Protein backbone atom coordinates (compact mmCIF):
# COMPACT_ATOMS: atom_id res chain seq x y z
CA MET A 1 -49.32 46.90 47.95
CA PHE A 2 -52.67 45.22 48.53
CA ASP A 3 -54.41 46.49 45.57
CA HIS A 4 -51.76 46.06 43.23
CA LYS A 5 -48.35 44.28 41.92
CA PRO A 6 -45.28 45.26 44.15
CA ASN A 7 -43.72 48.37 42.19
CA GLU A 8 -40.23 47.19 42.16
CA ARG A 9 -39.15 44.13 40.22
CA GLU A 10 -39.72 40.65 41.43
CA TRP A 11 -36.08 39.99 42.34
CA LEU A 12 -36.04 42.63 44.48
CA SER A 13 -38.91 41.45 46.36
CA TRP A 14 -37.21 38.25 46.24
CA LEU A 15 -34.03 39.99 47.79
CA SER A 16 -35.98 42.13 50.75
CA LEU A 17 -37.55 38.32 51.85
CA ALA A 18 -33.77 36.83 51.70
CA ILE A 19 -32.47 39.72 53.40
CA TRP A 20 -35.31 39.39 56.34
CA ILE A 21 -34.23 35.89 56.52
CA ALA A 22 -30.31 36.48 57.19
CA VAL A 23 -31.19 39.03 59.23
CA ILE A 24 -33.16 36.22 61.61
CA TYR A 25 -30.68 33.33 61.21
CA LEU A 26 -27.48 35.41 61.67
CA THR A 27 -28.90 36.94 64.90
CA ILE A 28 -29.33 33.26 66.30
CA PRO A 29 -26.11 33.32 67.83
CA PHE A 30 -26.38 36.35 69.57
CA VAL A 31 -29.99 36.56 70.49
CA ARG A 32 -29.03 35.49 73.76
CA LEU A 33 -26.86 38.37 74.72
CA GLY A 34 -29.65 40.88 73.55
CA THR A 35 -32.31 39.11 75.83
CA GLY A 36 -30.12 38.74 78.75
CA PHE A 37 -29.25 42.23 78.43
CA VAL A 38 -32.98 43.01 78.79
CA LYS A 39 -33.89 41.00 81.10
CA SER A 40 -31.25 42.23 83.80
CA THR A 41 -32.02 45.87 82.61
CA TRP A 42 -35.08 46.10 81.80
CA GLY A 43 -37.15 42.49 83.22
CA SER A 44 -38.32 39.95 81.60
CA GLU A 45 -41.77 41.76 81.19
CA THR A 46 -40.58 44.26 78.95
CA PHE A 47 -40.54 41.59 75.99
CA THR A 48 -44.47 41.46 76.63
CA TYR A 49 -45.36 44.68 76.59
CA VAL A 50 -43.33 45.96 73.76
CA ILE A 51 -44.41 43.48 71.44
CA ALA A 52 -48.03 43.79 72.40
CA LEU A 53 -47.67 47.09 72.41
CA VAL A 54 -45.95 46.83 68.22
CA LEU A 55 -48.58 44.38 67.28
CA ILE A 56 -51.62 46.59 68.62
CA LEU A 57 -49.84 49.63 66.30
CA ALA A 58 -49.39 47.75 63.34
CA THR A 59 -53.14 46.40 63.74
CA LEU A 60 -54.13 50.50 64.16
CA ALA A 61 -52.12 51.41 60.99
CA VAL A 62 -53.86 48.80 58.98
CA LEU A 63 -57.07 49.69 60.30
CA VAL A 64 -56.51 53.56 59.07
CA TRP A 65 -55.23 52.42 55.98
CA LEU A 66 -58.65 50.89 55.36
CA MET A 67 -60.57 53.89 56.52
CA ARG A 68 -58.55 56.28 54.65
CA LYS A 69 -59.29 53.37 51.57
CA ARG A 70 -63.13 53.87 52.37
CA ALA A 71 -62.58 49.97 52.74
CA LEU A 72 -63.06 49.12 56.46
CA SER A 73 -66.22 47.27 56.47
CA PRO A 74 -67.58 45.58 59.94
CA GLY A 75 -66.26 42.01 58.49
CA ARG A 76 -62.72 43.10 57.63
CA PHE A 77 -62.78 45.32 60.56
CA ALA A 78 -63.95 42.04 62.87
CA TRP A 79 -60.81 40.05 61.12
CA MET A 80 -58.48 42.14 62.07
CA LEU A 81 -59.32 43.03 65.28
CA ALA A 82 -60.13 39.19 65.90
CA ILE A 83 -56.89 38.21 65.01
CA ALA A 84 -54.59 41.11 66.79
CA GLY A 85 -56.47 39.88 70.05
CA ILE A 86 -54.75 36.44 69.49
CA PHE A 87 -51.86 38.13 68.26
CA VAL A 88 -51.83 39.73 71.98
CA ALA A 89 -52.91 36.95 73.58
CA LEU A 90 -50.09 34.49 72.70
CA THR A 91 -47.87 37.51 73.60
CA PHE A 92 -49.28 37.32 77.40
CA GLY A 93 -49.90 33.75 76.98
CA LEU A 94 -45.43 33.48 76.96
CA LYS A 95 -44.98 36.03 79.83
CA SER A 96 -45.22 33.58 82.40
CA GLY A 97 -42.60 31.09 80.86
CA THR A 98 -40.27 32.43 78.58
CA PRO A 99 -41.75 36.10 77.24
CA GLU A 100 -38.32 36.39 75.05
CA GLU A 101 -40.49 33.92 72.65
CA ALA A 102 -42.82 36.48 71.68
CA ILE A 103 -40.01 37.95 68.79
CA HIS A 104 -40.55 35.32 66.99
CA LEU A 105 -43.89 36.41 66.71
CA LEU A 106 -43.00 39.78 65.15
CA GLU A 107 -39.66 37.96 63.31
CA TYR A 108 -42.41 36.18 61.20
CA GLY A 109 -45.07 37.82 61.07
CA VAL A 110 -43.05 40.19 58.98
CA LEU A 111 -41.90 37.39 57.13
CA SER A 112 -45.41 36.31 56.16
CA ILE A 113 -45.64 40.23 55.24
CA LEU A 114 -42.56 39.20 52.84
CA ALA A 115 -43.26 36.36 51.33
CA TYR A 116 -46.81 37.18 50.28
CA ARG A 117 -45.35 40.34 48.64
CA ALA A 118 -42.95 38.25 46.61
CA PHE A 119 -45.60 35.76 45.86
CA SER A 120 -47.74 38.59 44.67
CA HIS A 121 -45.50 38.97 41.49
CA ARG A 122 -46.65 35.82 39.81
CA ILE A 123 -49.67 34.89 41.99
CA GLY A 124 -53.14 36.20 41.37
CA ASP A 125 -55.06 33.11 43.17
CA TYR A 126 -55.79 32.56 46.82
CA SER A 127 -53.46 29.70 46.53
CA ILE A 128 -50.96 32.59 47.28
CA TYR A 129 -51.60 32.16 51.30
CA ILE A 130 -51.25 28.82 51.29
CA ALA A 131 -48.00 29.35 49.72
CA ALA A 132 -46.94 32.03 51.93
CA THR A 133 -47.56 30.12 54.93
CA LEU A 134 -45.67 26.88 53.54
CA LEU A 135 -42.64 28.99 52.95
CA GLY A 136 -42.95 30.89 55.85
CA THR A 137 -42.87 27.58 58.11
CA LEU A 138 -39.94 26.18 56.13
CA ILE A 139 -38.13 29.12 56.96
CA GLY A 140 -39.27 28.62 61.17
CA MET A 141 -38.40 25.17 60.61
CA VAL A 142 -34.83 25.60 58.99
CA ASP A 143 -34.10 28.37 61.50
CA GLU A 144 -34.90 25.43 64.53
CA ALA A 145 -32.55 23.36 62.96
CA ILE A 146 -29.62 26.45 63.03
CA GLN A 147 -30.51 26.85 66.33
CA TRP A 148 -29.87 22.87 67.19
CA LEU A 149 -26.36 22.90 65.41
CA VAL A 150 -25.13 26.78 67.88
CA PRO A 151 -23.95 26.25 71.12
CA GLY A 152 -25.94 27.82 73.49
CA ARG A 153 -28.87 27.44 71.90
CA TYR A 154 -31.92 24.43 71.38
CA PHE A 155 -33.94 23.02 68.75
CA GLY A 156 -38.04 23.95 69.95
CA LEU A 157 -40.61 22.18 68.35
CA HIS A 158 -42.75 24.77 70.74
CA ASP A 159 -40.82 27.50 68.47
CA ILE A 160 -41.72 25.86 65.21
CA ALA A 161 -44.79 26.20 66.19
CA ILE A 162 -44.87 29.53 67.12
CA ASN A 163 -43.16 30.93 63.51
CA LEU A 164 -46.15 29.04 61.93
CA THR A 165 -48.62 30.57 64.35
CA ALA A 166 -47.47 34.25 63.39
CA VAL A 167 -47.04 33.50 59.46
CA THR A 168 -50.32 32.01 59.09
CA LEU A 169 -52.04 34.59 61.31
CA VAL A 170 -50.77 37.09 58.83
CA GLN A 171 -51.98 35.60 55.50
CA LEU A 172 -55.47 35.03 57.51
CA ALA A 173 -55.16 38.78 58.28
CA ILE A 174 -54.20 39.60 54.74
CA ALA A 175 -57.12 37.21 52.73
CA ALA A 176 -59.49 38.21 55.68
CA GLY A 177 -58.67 41.75 56.80
CA ILE A 178 -57.40 43.65 53.86
CA ARG A 179 -58.68 41.11 50.94
CA PRO A 180 -56.13 42.37 48.30
CA ALA A 181 -57.93 43.14 45.05
CA ILE A 182 -55.43 41.40 42.91
CA ILE A 183 -56.48 38.21 44.34
CA ALA A 184 -59.35 37.12 43.05
CA HIS A 185 -59.95 33.46 41.78
CA ARG A 186 -59.48 29.84 42.21
CA PRO A 187 -56.51 28.52 41.96
CA THR A 188 -54.64 27.30 38.55
CA SER A 189 -52.74 23.98 38.21
CA ALA A 190 -49.15 25.76 38.31
CA SER A 191 -50.20 27.22 41.93
CA LEU A 192 -51.30 23.85 42.90
CA ARG A 193 -48.62 22.14 41.54
CA ARG A 194 -46.06 24.96 43.83
CA ILE A 195 -48.18 23.70 47.16
CA CYS A 196 -47.64 20.32 46.33
CA ARG A 197 -43.17 21.03 45.98
CA LEU A 198 -43.32 23.47 49.21
CA GLY A 199 -45.88 21.18 50.94
CA ALA A 200 -43.22 17.78 50.33
CA MET A 201 -40.38 20.05 50.75
CA THR A 202 -41.75 20.73 54.56
CA ALA A 203 -43.22 17.73 55.40
CA GLY A 204 -39.95 15.90 54.34
CA LEU A 205 -37.96 18.51 56.73
CA PHE A 206 -40.17 17.92 59.18
CA GLY A 207 -39.70 13.87 58.51
CA LEU A 208 -35.73 14.85 58.94
CA PHE A 209 -36.43 16.05 62.10
CA HIS A 210 -38.26 12.34 63.51
CA LEU A 211 -35.47 10.65 62.77
CA ASN A 212 -32.95 12.84 63.86
CA THR A 213 -33.04 11.29 67.63
CA PRO A 214 -30.48 10.37 70.52
CA GLY A 215 -29.35 7.32 69.35
CA ASN A 216 -28.92 8.18 65.66
CA ILE A 217 -26.60 11.40 66.23
CA ALA A 218 -24.99 9.62 68.48
CA ALA A 219 -24.35 6.99 65.72
CA TYR A 220 -23.41 9.54 62.62
CA SER A 221 -21.55 11.72 65.10
CA ALA A 222 -19.70 8.66 66.15
CA ALA A 223 -18.27 7.73 62.42
CA ILE A 224 -17.93 11.77 61.82
CA PRO A 225 -15.86 13.01 64.45
CA ALA A 226 -16.22 16.42 63.54
CA LEU A 227 -19.40 15.76 64.33
CA ALA A 228 -19.16 14.60 68.34
CA PHE A 229 -20.30 18.26 69.41
CA LEU A 230 -23.74 17.16 68.63
CA ASN A 231 -23.32 14.38 71.10
CA GLY A 232 -24.29 16.53 73.86
CA PRO A 233 -26.83 17.68 75.96
CA ASN A 234 -27.56 20.99 74.30
CA HIS A 235 -28.30 19.08 70.88
CA THR A 236 -30.99 17.36 71.29
CA MET A 237 -33.95 17.30 68.63
CA ILE A 238 -36.53 15.29 68.82
CA GLU A 239 -37.23 12.18 71.25
CA PHE A 240 -39.80 9.60 71.57
CA GLY A 241 -41.43 8.49 75.01
CA HIS A 242 -44.30 7.04 77.03
CA LEU A 243 -47.02 8.94 78.01
CA TYR A 244 -47.90 7.66 81.80
CA ASP A 245 -51.75 8.44 82.67
CA HIS A 246 -52.69 7.81 86.81
CA PRO A 247 -56.01 8.35 88.18
CA GLU A 248 -55.03 10.42 90.95
CA ILE A 249 -51.59 11.85 90.63
CA GLY A 250 -52.14 13.22 86.80
CA HIS A 251 -49.82 13.05 84.35
CA PHE A 252 -46.37 12.68 82.81
CA ARG A 253 -43.89 11.11 80.05
CA SER A 254 -40.63 8.96 80.11
CA ARG A 255 -38.19 7.40 77.95
CA LEU A 256 -38.84 4.59 79.65
CA ALA A 257 -42.27 1.87 78.93
CA PRO A 258 -43.82 1.26 81.84
CA GLU A 259 -41.95 -1.84 82.25
CA GLU A 260 -38.99 -0.89 81.50
CA LEU A 261 -38.87 1.98 84.10
CA ALA A 262 -40.28 -0.84 86.62
CA HIS A 263 -37.23 -3.07 86.38
CA ALA A 264 -34.70 -0.15 85.80
CA ASP A 265 -36.03 1.07 88.97
CA ARG A 266 -35.49 -2.40 90.80
CA THR A 267 -32.46 -3.62 89.42
CA ARG A 268 -30.60 -0.31 89.30
CA ALA A 269 -32.20 1.71 92.70
CA ARG A 270 -28.67 1.44 94.66
CA GLU A 271 -26.26 2.62 91.81
CA THR A 272 -28.89 5.41 90.71
CA ALA A 273 -29.13 6.54 94.60
CA LEU A 274 -25.29 6.70 94.80
CA ILE A 275 -25.00 9.25 91.88
CA LEU A 276 -27.99 11.18 92.57
CA ASP A 277 -26.67 12.05 96.45
CA GLN A 278 -23.52 13.54 94.52
CA TYR A 279 -25.80 16.36 93.05
CA THR A 280 -28.23 17.05 95.94
CA SER A 281 -27.91 20.84 95.78
CA ARG A 282 -29.34 23.51 93.18
CA ASP A 283 -25.65 24.48 92.53
CA THR A 284 -24.92 21.15 91.03
CA TYR A 285 -28.02 20.98 88.93
CA PRO A 286 -26.62 21.86 85.78
CA ASP A 287 -23.25 20.31 85.84
CA PHE A 288 -25.45 17.32 86.24
CA LEU A 289 -27.49 17.95 83.54
CA ARG A 290 -24.27 18.17 81.31
CA ARG A 291 -23.11 15.14 82.54
CA HIS A 292 -26.30 12.71 82.59
CA MET A 293 -28.50 12.93 79.61
CA GLY A 294 -31.43 11.53 79.83
CA ALA A 295 -30.85 9.64 76.54
CA LYS A 296 -28.20 7.52 77.79
CA ASP A 297 -29.33 6.96 81.21
CA PRO A 298 -33.36 7.96 81.46
CA LEU A 299 -33.85 6.30 84.84
CA LEU A 300 -31.00 8.77 86.59
CA HIS A 301 -31.63 11.95 84.49
CA GLU A 302 -35.49 11.53 84.91
CA ALA A 303 -35.38 10.89 88.62
CA ARG A 304 -32.82 13.83 89.53
CA VAL A 305 -35.09 16.00 87.41
CA HIS A 306 -38.33 15.26 89.02
CA LEU A 307 -35.92 15.49 92.10
CA TYR A 308 -34.97 19.18 90.99
CA SER A 309 -38.66 20.10 90.12
CA ARG A 310 -40.07 18.92 94.00
CA ASN A 311 -37.53 20.56 95.61
CA VAL A 312 -37.32 23.70 94.17
CA ASN A 313 -41.37 24.16 94.43
CA ALA A 314 -41.58 23.05 97.57
CA GLU A 315 -38.99 26.17 98.51
CA TRP A 316 -40.31 28.60 96.60
CA ALA A 317 -43.47 27.78 97.93
CA ARG A 318 -42.24 28.11 101.69
CA ASP A 319 -41.23 31.67 100.36
CA ASP A 320 -43.50 33.08 97.87
CA ASN A 321 -46.35 35.53 99.74
CA ASP A 322 -48.81 34.96 97.23
CA PRO A 323 -51.85 32.68 98.20
CA ALA A 324 -52.52 31.24 94.69
CA ARG A 325 -49.67 30.58 93.65
CA ARG A 326 -48.08 29.15 96.90
CA ARG A 327 -50.82 27.03 96.79
CA GLN A 328 -50.06 26.34 92.70
CA ARG A 329 -46.27 25.35 93.92
CA TYR A 330 -47.53 23.05 95.92
CA THR A 331 -49.58 21.32 94.31
CA THR A 332 -46.02 20.63 91.63
CA ALA A 333 -43.76 19.94 94.73
CA TYR A 334 -46.56 17.18 96.00
CA ARG A 335 -47.64 15.75 92.76
CA GLU A 336 -43.91 15.24 91.57
CA ASN A 337 -42.91 13.95 94.90
CA GLN A 338 -46.15 11.42 94.15
CA ILE A 339 -44.35 10.89 91.12
CA LEU A 340 -41.30 9.84 92.38
CA GLU A 341 -42.94 7.48 95.41
CA GLU A 342 -45.13 5.43 92.87
CA TYR A 343 -42.19 5.19 89.68
CA PHE A 344 -38.80 6.05 91.40
CA SER A 345 -39.63 4.35 94.27
CA GLU A 346 -36.96 1.75 95.04
CA THR A 347 -34.07 4.47 94.28
CA LEU A 348 -36.04 7.30 96.48
CA LYS A 349 -35.81 5.15 98.89
CA ALA A 350 -32.38 4.18 98.32
CA SER A 351 -31.20 7.82 98.09
CA GLY A 352 -31.16 10.59 100.94
CA SER A 353 -34.18 12.61 99.41
CA VAL A 354 -37.53 10.75 100.95
CA TRP A 355 -39.59 13.91 102.05
CA THR A 356 -40.22 13.67 106.14
CA ASP A 357 -43.60 13.13 106.80
CA GLU A 358 -44.14 17.05 107.94
CA LEU A 359 -42.74 17.86 104.72
CA THR A 360 -45.58 15.85 103.41
CA ARG A 361 -48.40 16.70 105.27
CA LEU A 362 -47.35 21.01 104.68
CA ALA A 363 -47.31 19.85 101.32
CA LYS A 364 -50.88 17.76 100.85
CA ALA A 365 -52.22 20.44 103.13
CA ASN A 366 -51.88 23.19 100.76
CA MET A 367 -51.90 21.84 97.33
CA ILE A 368 -55.17 22.21 94.61
CA SER A 369 -56.57 18.57 95.38
CA ASP A 370 -58.96 19.06 92.50
CA TYR A 371 -56.23 19.63 89.94
CA GLU A 372 -55.24 17.86 86.95
CA TYR A 373 -51.71 17.72 87.23
CA ASP A 374 -49.67 17.41 84.17
CA SER A 375 -45.67 17.10 85.02
CA LEU A 376 -43.41 19.34 83.11
CA VAL A 377 -40.38 16.91 83.27
CA SER A 378 -39.54 15.49 79.65
CA ARG A 379 -42.77 17.17 78.55
CA HIS A 380 -40.68 17.57 74.98
CA LEU A 381 -40.78 13.54 74.52
CA ILE A 382 -43.71 12.47 71.48
CA THR A 383 -45.81 9.98 73.05
CA ALA A 384 -48.58 10.44 70.23
CA TYR A 385 -46.77 8.60 67.85
CA SER A 386 -43.37 6.46 67.39
CA GLY A 387 -40.72 7.16 65.10
CA SER A 388 -41.20 4.40 63.00
CA GLN A 389 -44.94 5.83 62.17
CA ALA A 390 -43.07 9.55 61.69
CA MET A 391 -41.53 7.75 59.23
CA TRP A 392 -44.64 6.05 57.20
CA MET A 393 -46.43 9.58 57.92
CA PHE A 394 -44.01 12.38 56.66
CA GLY A 395 -42.64 9.96 54.33
CA GLY A 396 -46.18 8.80 52.94
CA ALA A 397 -47.14 12.83 52.73
CA VAL A 398 -44.07 13.88 50.77
CA VAL A 399 -44.94 10.55 48.34
CA ALA A 400 -48.71 11.48 48.17
CA LEU A 401 -47.62 15.72 47.41
CA LEU A 402 -45.19 14.62 44.50
CA VAL A 403 -47.60 12.12 42.85
CA PHE A 404 -50.61 14.26 43.07
CA GLY A 405 -48.30 17.32 41.87
CA HIS A 406 -47.07 15.17 39.05
CA TYR A 407 -50.48 14.46 38.13
CA LEU A 408 -51.69 17.80 37.55
CA LYS A 409 -48.61 17.80 34.28
CA ILE A 410 -50.73 15.66 32.62
CA PRO A 411 -53.02 16.31 29.76
CA ALA A 412 -56.23 16.41 30.36
CA ARG A 413 -58.67 15.55 27.16
CA GLY A 414 -55.91 16.88 24.87
CA ARG A 415 -55.71 20.23 26.81
CA TYR A 416 -52.64 21.08 28.78
CA PRO A 417 -53.41 22.67 32.67
CA LYS A 418 -52.39 26.30 33.19
């Protein structure tokens, strides 16, 4: 299928892609059930090893195919080996967090191949790789938008990045590793216009995601009663915040600017502490997250999440027999306590969650002192740019791509672009 156009009609190739997209989308409500069963039966690491094995076997199959064609040059072999290595490294990189997310690598790797196959009926130039990547990215973004609507599933920029990575790596493998004979010339004007349209759609949808902040969700869900379910803790899409960089503690993120956080901690410490003291155990933590969203009460929510991270890591550290992991967990616990003492000091003092001197000394004695700490609390907050900057950035990209695409239609010197 790489040395010549697909044998089937074009609509069948697009139908194959549409069926695969439907499989991805329709399984969204049931993925948690399947992954939960695998975890409880064989363990989370099953995802890592099975997906890594599939990726390795797929790479070997391509290499064998190239050998039989006598087309396996050192350059192609090196590219295929490098891309396979990146895929496997990404799979094992997800092992320590959420191993099941590696499923995205397989889903969107297959989707990338099907997108290339569908486009190859019409595109014979190098733009096919960019077109397939943009289409795959767009499909992956819609995937996350659907998850945002489904109870029990979540929207994640991290998942969009995984989808994009899988699609891009497969296109790179096709372009540099397989090097199809039918893709052999520079992009035409029609191909560039296609890329502009796909790029504008991708940038536009990503821009809409950035407009879908908790405040805007609350506004339109209040106006449309049928959308009231979106105004809950599981339906957050994009949140902006502020990055804190303390030279002795490390990094953490907050929805509140420094002066806002200091003012809230000073003026609302007692009322916040009274609520925190109602949710001191790990068993009450899920109920707290349901009742007290970060967008509605940042001080309360963030203080409790920092407390949870501190307490649970200290608890795990005490019971961990692995010295390296134990030190890492004590480091997290100690740094989270420092964040609480420095930035949530009044709230912490008013609550019953102040660490004893003995516990503080224990954590400090066992921590990694030269480790650059970056808190996982509120790590999803976007701090590199603001909402208004995002609007101008993505809106400008859409306009620029559409204008450039329109410019390519304009005749030049009496000739129309092909």
